[in-house]
Amino acid sequence: MGLTGGFGTGKSTVAEMLTELGARVTDADDLVHSLLRPGRRQYREILDLFGSSILKPTGEIDHRLLAAKVFGHPRRLEGLNRILHPPVLKAMEEELERRKKGVSVMVVPLLYEVGMEELFDYVLVVRADPEVVEKRNSFSRKMTGDEINRRRDAQFPLVSKEERADFVIDNNGSPAETRRQVEKIWRRISASEFQ
């Protein structure tokens, strides 16, 4: 199953709940972060494109500085995506091939944007209203409204993702309300996986 949604809607929260229920979860963001490590080819290509101003004193890429360079700047974002998307897609396809049995979930923030929906039997979209996203992310990630909006604007509209999804989880409420929705979907998916 592919798990996606809008920026800050709670994909990680839902992924954690699915893990607790027994799903094997892989997060595309973790794969991206591994490509940003010093010594990787993609690390060098990103430095060639954006310069050393995106580095921490340790030599690691500062994700927040990189985000400031690309979100709100479509050409820069396109350049970054050209570097990162092919190896991430390849790694995800290899991971799906290894996981033939049981319920596997891949968290892919840009699942629809890069045309990956065909890789999955089901797609689950996590949604939350913009004001809820802003409130949660300004608190948990210390992000400004402008930073949140630039990231949101770089993705397909959430309503478009919802229309294409097999399942939608509304993450506007309490964790318990979200958990009830996750468990209901889990029962349906796990029943079909093990028949």
C-alpha atoms as a PDB file:
ATOM      1  CA  MET A   1       0.000   0.000   0.000  1.00  0.00           C
ATOM      2  CA  GLY A   2       1.177   3.522  -0.749  1.00  0.00           C
ATOM      3  CA  LEU A   3       0.602   6.104   1.963  1.00  0.00           C
ATOM      4  CA  THR A   4       0.589   9.764   1.000  1.00  0.00           C
ATOM      5  CA  GLY A   5      -1.129  13.053   1.776  1.00  0.00           C
ATOM      6  CA  GLY A   6      -0.419  16.738   1.966  1.00  0.00           C
ATOM      7  CA  PHE A   7       2.512  18.339   3.708  1.00  0.00           C
ATOM      8  CA  GLY A   8       2.136  18.005   7.464  1.00  0.00           C
ATOM      9  CA  THR A   9      -1.179  16.140   7.380  1.00  0.00           C
ATOM     10  CA  GLY A  10       0.052  13.307   9.610  1.00  0.00           C
ATOM     11  CA  LYS A  11       1.497  10.646   7.327  1.00  0.00           C
ATOM     12  CA  SER A  12       4.119   9.675   9.920  1.00  0.00           C
ATOM     13  CA  THR A  13       1.469   9.345  12.618  1.00  0.00           C
ATOM     14  CA  VAL A  14      -0.602   7.002  10.454  1.00  0.00           C
ATOM     15  CA  ALA A  15       2.513   5.052   9.418  1.00  0.00           C
ATOM     16  CA  GLU A  16       3.412   4.541  13.070  1.00  0.00           C
ATOM     17  CA  MET A  17      -0.084   3.235  13.789  1.00  0.00           C
ATOM     18  CA  LEU A  18       0.139   0.826  10.851  1.00  0.00           C
ATOM     19  CA  THR A  19       3.520  -0.391  12.112  1.00  0.00           C
ATOM     20  CA  GLU A  20       1.975  -1.091  15.510  1.00  0.00           C
ATOM     21  CA  LEU A  21      -0.732  -3.132  13.770  1.00  0.00           C
ATOM     22  CA  GLY A  22       1.865  -5.257  11.957  1.00  0.00           C
ATOM     23  CA  ALA A  23       2.597  -3.525   8.648  1.00  0.00           C
ATOM     24  CA  ARG A  24       6.155  -3.314   7.350  1.00  0.00           C
ATOM     25  CA  VAL A  25       6.641   0.397   6.680  1.00  0.00           C
ATOM     26  CA  THR A  26       9.277   2.093   4.529  1.00  0.00           C
ATOM     27  CA  ASP A  27       9.450   5.887   4.328  1.00  0.00           C
ATOM     28  CA  ALA A  28      10.645   7.484   1.073  1.00  0.00           C
ATOM     29  CA  ASP A  29      11.946  10.439   3.098  1.00  0.00           C
ATOM     30  CA  ASP A  30      14.378   8.064   4.851  1.00  0.00           C
ATOM     31  CA  LEU A  31      15.637   6.927   1.451  1.00  0.00           C
ATOM     32  CA  VAL A  32      16.062  10.569   0.386  1.00  0.00           C
ATOM     33  CA  HIS A  33      17.981  11.392   3.569  1.00  0.00           C
ATOM     34  CA  SER A  34      20.365   8.499   2.915  1.00  0.00           C
ATOM     35  CA  LEU A  35      21.131   9.992  -0.525  1.00  0.00           C
ATOM     36  CA  LEU A  36      21.968  13.344   1.067  1.00  0.00           C
ATOM     37  CA  ARG A  37      24.834  11.914   3.132  1.00  0.00           C
ATOM     38  CA  PRO A  38      28.392  13.042   2.383  1.00  0.00           C
ATOM     39  CA  GLY A  39      30.106  10.690  -0.023  1.00  0.00           C
ATOM     40  CA  ARG A  40      27.004   9.861  -2.031  1.00  0.00           C
ATOM     41  CA  ARG A  41      26.873  10.861  -5.698  1.00  0.00           C
ATOM     42  CA  GLN A  42      23.599  12.709  -5.127  1.00  0.00           C
ATOM     43  CA  TYR A  43      25.219  14.713  -2.299  1.00  0.00           C
ATOM     44  CA  ARG A  44      27.893  15.954  -4.713  1.00  0.00           C
ATOM     45  CA  GLU A  45      25.350  16.732  -7.432  1.00  0.00           C
ATOM     46  CA  ILE A  46      23.232  18.749  -4.991  1.00  0.00           C
ATOM     47  CA  LEU A  47      26.280  20.720  -3.848  1.00  0.00           C
ATOM     48  CA  ASP A  48      27.151  21.407  -7.501  1.00  0.00           C
ATOM     49  CA  LEU A  49      23.624  22.719  -8.016  1.00  0.00           C
ATOM     50  CA  PHE A  50      23.102  24.723  -4.807  1.00  0.00           C
ATOM     51  CA  GLY A  51      26.561  25.438  -3.438  1.00  0.00           C
ATOM     52  CA  SER A  52      28.024  25.032   0.036  1.00  0.00           C
ATOM     53  CA  SER A  53      25.622  27.535   1.631  1.00  0.00           C
ATOM     54  CA  ILE A  54      23.245  24.609   2.308  1.00  0.00           C
ATOM     55  CA  LEU A  55      25.769  22.802   4.512  1.00  0.00           C
ATOM     56  CA  LYS A  56      25.940  22.525   8.270  1.00  0.00           C
ATOM     57  CA  PRO A  57      29.358  23.119   9.873  1.00  0.00           C
ATOM     58  CA  THR A  58      29.703  19.305   9.986  1.00  0.00           C
ATOM     59  CA  GLY A  59      29.525  19.100   6.179  1.00  0.00           C
ATOM     60  CA  GLU A  60      26.062  17.531   6.171  1.00  0.00           C
ATOM     61  CA  ILE A  61      23.276  19.040   4.092  1.00  0.00           C
ATOM     62  CA  ASP A  62      20.970  21.154   6.227  1.00  0.00           C
ATOM     63  CA  HIS A  63      17.499  20.036   5.132  1.00  0.00           C
ATOM     64  CA  ARG A  64      15.896  23.279   6.224  1.00  0.00           C
ATOM     65  CA  LEU A  65      18.364  25.415   4.248  1.00  0.00           C
ATOM     66  CA  LEU A  66      17.886  23.195   1.201  1.00  0.00           C
ATOM     67  CA  ALA A  67      14.107  23.450   1.556  1.00  0.00           C
ATOM     68  CA  ALA A  68      14.362  27.250   1.687  1.00  0.00           C
ATOM     69  CA  LYS A  69      16.267  27.177  -1.611  1.00  0.00           C
ATOM     70  CA  VAL A  70      13.792  24.966  -3.472  1.00  0.00           C
ATOM     71  CA  PHE A  71      10.257  25.439  -2.153  1.00  0.00           C
ATOM     72  CA  GLY A  72       8.706  28.415  -3.907  1.00  0.00           C
ATOM     73  CA  HIS A  73      11.280  28.103  -6.719  1.00  0.00           C
ATOM     74  CA  PRO A  74       9.914  25.566  -9.249  1.00  0.00           C
ATOM     75  CA  ARG A  75      13.067  25.330 -11.405  1.00  0.00           C
ATOM     76  CA  ARG A  76      15.280  24.638  -8.409  1.00  0.00           C
ATOM     77  CA  LEU A  77      12.815  22.060  -7.100  1.00  0.00           C
ATOM     78  CA  GLU A  78      12.750  20.410 -10.513  1.00  0.00           C
ATOM     79  CA  GLY A  79      16.555  20.225 -10.499  1.00  0.00           C
ATOM     80  CA  LEU A  80      16.574  18.632  -7.051  1.00  0.00           C
ATOM     81  CA  ASN A  81      13.876  16.148  -8.088  1.00  0.00           C
ATOM     82  CA  ARG A  82      15.900  15.148 -11.166  1.00  0.00           C
ATOM     83  CA  ILE A  83      18.759  14.190  -8.859  1.00  0.00           C
ATOM     84  CA  LEU A  84      16.748  12.392  -6.175  1.00  0.00           C
ATOM     85  CA  HIS A  85      13.684  10.809  -7.753  1.00  0.00           C
ATOM     86  CA  PRO A  86      15.321   8.149  -9.990  1.00  0.00           C
ATOM     87  CA  PRO A  87      17.388   6.491  -7.221  1.00  0.00           C
ATOM     88  CA  VAL A  88      14.518   6.733  -4.717  1.00  0.00           C
ATOM     89  CA  LEU A  89      12.093   5.138  -7.178  1.00  0.00           C
ATOM     90  CA  LYS A  90      14.597   2.340  -7.894  1.00  0.00           C
ATOM     91  CA  ALA A  91      15.127   1.688  -4.171  1.00  0.00           C
ATOM     92  CA  MET A  92      11.369   1.594  -3.566  1.00  0.00           C
ATOM     93  CA  GLU A  93      10.766  -0.839  -6.413  1.00  0.00           C
ATOM     94  CA  GLU A  94      13.509  -3.111  -5.028  1.00  0.00           C
ATOM     95  CA  GLU A  95      11.978  -2.909  -1.539  1.00  0.00           C
ATOM     96  CA  LEU A  96       8.512  -3.798  -2.882  1.00  0.00           C
ATOM     97  CA  GLU A  97       9.992  -6.781  -4.708  1.00  0.00           C
ATOM     98  CA  ARG A  98      11.540  -8.056  -1.454  1.00  0.00           C
ATOM     99  CA  ARG A  99       8.230  -7.716   0.402  1.00  0.00           C
ATOM    100  CA  LYS A 100       5.920 -10.068  -1.404  1.00  0.00           C
ATOM    101  CA  LYS A 101       4.098 -11.414   1.687  1.00  0.00           C
ATOM    102  CA  GLY A 102       2.178  -9.579   4.361  1.00  0.00           C
ATOM    103  CA  VAL A 103       1.166  -5.931   4.367  1.00  0.00           C
ATOM    104  CA  SER A 104       3.836  -3.523   3.187  1.00  0.00           C
ATOM    105  CA  VAL A 105       3.346   0.210   3.376  1.00  0.00           C
ATOM    106  CA  MET A 106       5.473   2.817   1.658  1.00  0.00           C
ATOM    107  CA  VAL A 107       5.189   6.413   2.796  1.00  0.00           C
ATOM    108  CA  VAL A 108       5.638   8.519  -0.347  1.00  0.00           C
ATOM    109  CA  PRO A 109       4.858  12.230   0.048  1.00  0.00           C
ATOM    110  CA  LEU A 110       4.978  12.810  -3.734  1.00  0.00           C
ATOM    111  CA  LEU A 111       3.353   9.523  -4.758  1.00  0.00           C
ATOM    112  CA  TYR A 112       0.931  11.077  -7.247  1.00  0.00           C
ATOM    113  CA  GLU A 113       3.306  13.838  -8.329  1.00  0.00           C
ATOM    114  CA  VAL A 114       5.843  11.297  -9.610  1.00  0.00           C
ATOM    115  CA  GLY A 115       3.246   8.838 -10.967  1.00  0.00           C
ATOM    116  CA  MET A 116       3.911   5.961  -8.552  1.00  0.00           C
ATOM    117  CA  GLU A 117       0.332   4.952  -7.795  1.00  0.00           C
ATOM    118  CA  GLU A 118       0.532   1.998 -10.201  1.00  0.00           C
ATOM    119  CA  LEU A 119       3.136   0.344  -7.949  1.00  0.00           C
ATOM    120  CA  PHE A 120       0.580  -0.193  -5.181  1.00  0.00           C
ATOM    121  CA  ASP A 121      -2.530  -2.315  -4.723  1.00  0.00           C
ATOM    122  CA  TYR A 122      -4.027   0.472  -2.594  1.00  0.00           C
ATOM    123  CA  VAL A 123      -3.311   4.129  -1.950  1.00  0.00           C
ATOM    124  CA  LEU A 124      -4.157   5.728   1.388  1.00  0.00           C
ATOM    125  CA  VAL A 125      -4.282   9.526   1.649  1.00  0.00           C
ATOM    126  CA  VAL A 126      -4.007  11.307   4.993  1.00  0.00           C
ATOM    127  CA  ARG A 127      -5.791  14.647   5.056  1.00  0.00           C
ATOM    128  CA  ALA A 128      -6.026  17.537   7.483  1.00  0.00           C
ATOM    129  CA  ASP A 129      -7.363  21.066   7.110  1.00  0.00           C
ATOM    130  CA  PRO A 130      -4.795  23.830   6.391  1.00  0.00           C
ATOM    131  CA  GLU A 131      -5.318  25.529   9.742  1.00  0.00           C
ATOM    132  CA  VAL A 132      -4.754  22.218  11.571  1.00  0.00           C
ATOM    133  CA  VAL A 133      -1.580  21.577   9.555  1.00  0.00           C
ATOM    134  CA  GLU A 134      -0.280  25.066  10.297  1.00  0.00           C
ATOM    135  CA  LYS A 135      -1.030  24.816  14.010  1.00  0.00           C
ATOM    136  CA  ARG A 136       0.634  21.393  14.383  1.00  0.00           C
ATOM    137  CA  ASN A 137       3.711  22.203  12.283  1.00  0.00           C
ATOM    138  CA  SER A 138       4.325  25.629  13.744  1.00  0.00           C
ATOM    139  CA  PHE A 139       4.436  23.894  17.134  1.00  0.00           C
ATOM    140  CA  SER A 140       6.201  20.584  16.359  1.00  0.00           C
ATOM    141  CA  ARG A 141       8.579  21.690  13.596  1.00  0.00           C
ATOM    142  CA  LYS A 142       8.821  25.380  14.480  1.00  0.00           C
ATOM    143  CA  MET A 143       7.839  26.268  10.904  1.00  0.00           C
ATOM    144  CA  THR A 144       6.331  29.541   9.783  1.00  0.00           C
ATOM    145  CA  GLY A 145       3.082  29.719   7.837  1.00  0.00           C
ATOM    146  CA  ASP A 146       5.065  30.810   4.784  1.00  0.00           C
ATOM    147  CA  GLU A 147       7.361  27.762   4.980  1.00  0.00           C
ATOM    148  CA  ILE A 148       4.361  25.452   5.310  1.00  0.00           C
ATOM    149  CA  ASN A 149       2.538  27.078   2.381  1.00  0.00           C
ATOM    150  CA  ARG A 150       5.580  26.856   0.082  1.00  0.00           C
ATOM    151  CA  ARG A 151       5.867  23.141   0.756  1.00  0.00           C
ATOM    152  CA  ARG A 152       2.145  22.633   0.317  1.00  0.00           C
ATOM    153  CA  ASP A 153       2.182  24.578  -2.967  1.00  0.00           C
ATOM    154  CA  ALA A 154       4.910  22.278  -4.347  1.00  0.00           C
ATOM    155  CA  GLN A 155       2.487  19.330  -4.183  1.00  0.00           C
ATOM    156  CA  PHE A 156      -0.720  18.421  -5.948  1.00  0.00           C
ATOM    157  CA  PRO A 157      -3.787  19.868  -4.206  1.00  0.00           C
ATOM    158  CA  LEU A 158      -4.859  17.588  -1.378  1.00  0.00           C
ATOM    159  CA  VAL A 159      -8.395  17.303  -2.746  1.00  0.00           C
ATOM    160  CA  SER A 160      -6.967  15.832  -6.000  1.00  0.00           C
ATOM    161  CA  LYS A 161      -5.108  13.198  -4.013  1.00  0.00           C
ATOM    162  CA  GLU A 162      -8.232  12.358  -2.024  1.00  0.00           C
ATOM    163  CA  GLU A 163     -10.267  11.875  -5.215  1.00  0.00           C
ATOM    164  CA  ARG A 164      -7.726   9.363  -6.554  1.00  0.00           C
ATOM    165  CA  ALA A 165      -7.211   7.423  -3.305  1.00  0.00           C
ATOM    166  CA  ASP A 166      -8.624   4.035  -2.333  1.00  0.00           C
ATOM    167  CA  PHE A 167      -8.809   5.163   1.297  1.00  0.00           C
ATOM    168  CA  VAL A 168      -8.787   8.570   3.001  1.00  0.00           C
ATOM    169  CA  ILE A 169      -8.026   9.181   6.666  1.00  0.00           C
ATOM    170  CA  ASP A 170      -9.230  12.451   8.159  1.00  0.00           C
ATOM    171  CA  ASN A 171      -6.555  13.488  10.649  1.00  0.00           C
ATOM    172  CA  ASN A 172      -8.241  16.646  11.951  1.00  0.00           C
ATOM    173  CA  GLY A 173      -9.331  15.082  15.224  1.00  0.00           C
ATOM    174  CA  SER A 174      -7.745  13.313  18.153  1.00  0.00           C
ATOM    175  CA  PRO A 175      -5.186  10.508  17.846  1.00  0.00           C
ATOM    176  CA  ALA A 176      -7.899   8.087  19.017  1.00  0.00           C
ATOM    177  CA  GLU A 177     -10.196   9.148  16.153  1.00  0.00           C
ATOM    178  CA  THR A 178      -7.373   8.690  13.654  1.00  0.00           C
ATOM    179  CA  ARG A 179      -6.505   5.317  15.163  1.00  0.00           C
ATOM    180  CA  ARG A 180     -10.094   4.074  14.716  1.00  0.00           C
ATOM    181  CA  GLN A 181      -9.947   4.959  11.007  1.00  0.00           C
ATOM    182  CA  VAL A 182      -6.543   3.284  10.612  1.00  0.00           C
ATOM    183  CA  GLU A 183      -7.769   0.103  12.311  1.00  0.00           C
ATOM    184  CA  LYS A 184     -10.829  -0.074  10.073  1.00  0.00           C
ATOM    185  CA  ILE A 185      -8.667   0.200   6.933  1.00  0.00           C
ATOM    186  CA  TRP A 186      -6.150  -2.264   8.387  1.00  0.00           C
ATOM    187  CA  ARG A 187      -8.862  -4.878   8.888  1.00  0.00           C
ATOM    188  CA  ARG A 188      -9.959  -4.562   5.253  1.00  0.00           C
ATOM    189  CA  ILE A 189      -6.454  -4.626   3.801  1.00  0.00           C
ATOM    190  CA  SER A 190      -5.016  -7.362   5.993  1.00  0.00           C
ATOM    191  CA  ALA A 191      -8.055  -9.573   5.314  1.00  0.00           C
ATOM    192  CA  SER A 192      -7.531  -9.275   1.552  1.00  0.00           C
ATOM    193  CA  GLU A 193      -3.745  -9.786   1.844  1.00  0.00           C
ATOM    194  CA  PHE A 194      -4.028 -13.058   3.687  1.00  0.00           C
ATOM    195  CA  GLN A 195      -6.886 -14.683   1.757  1.00  0.00           C
END
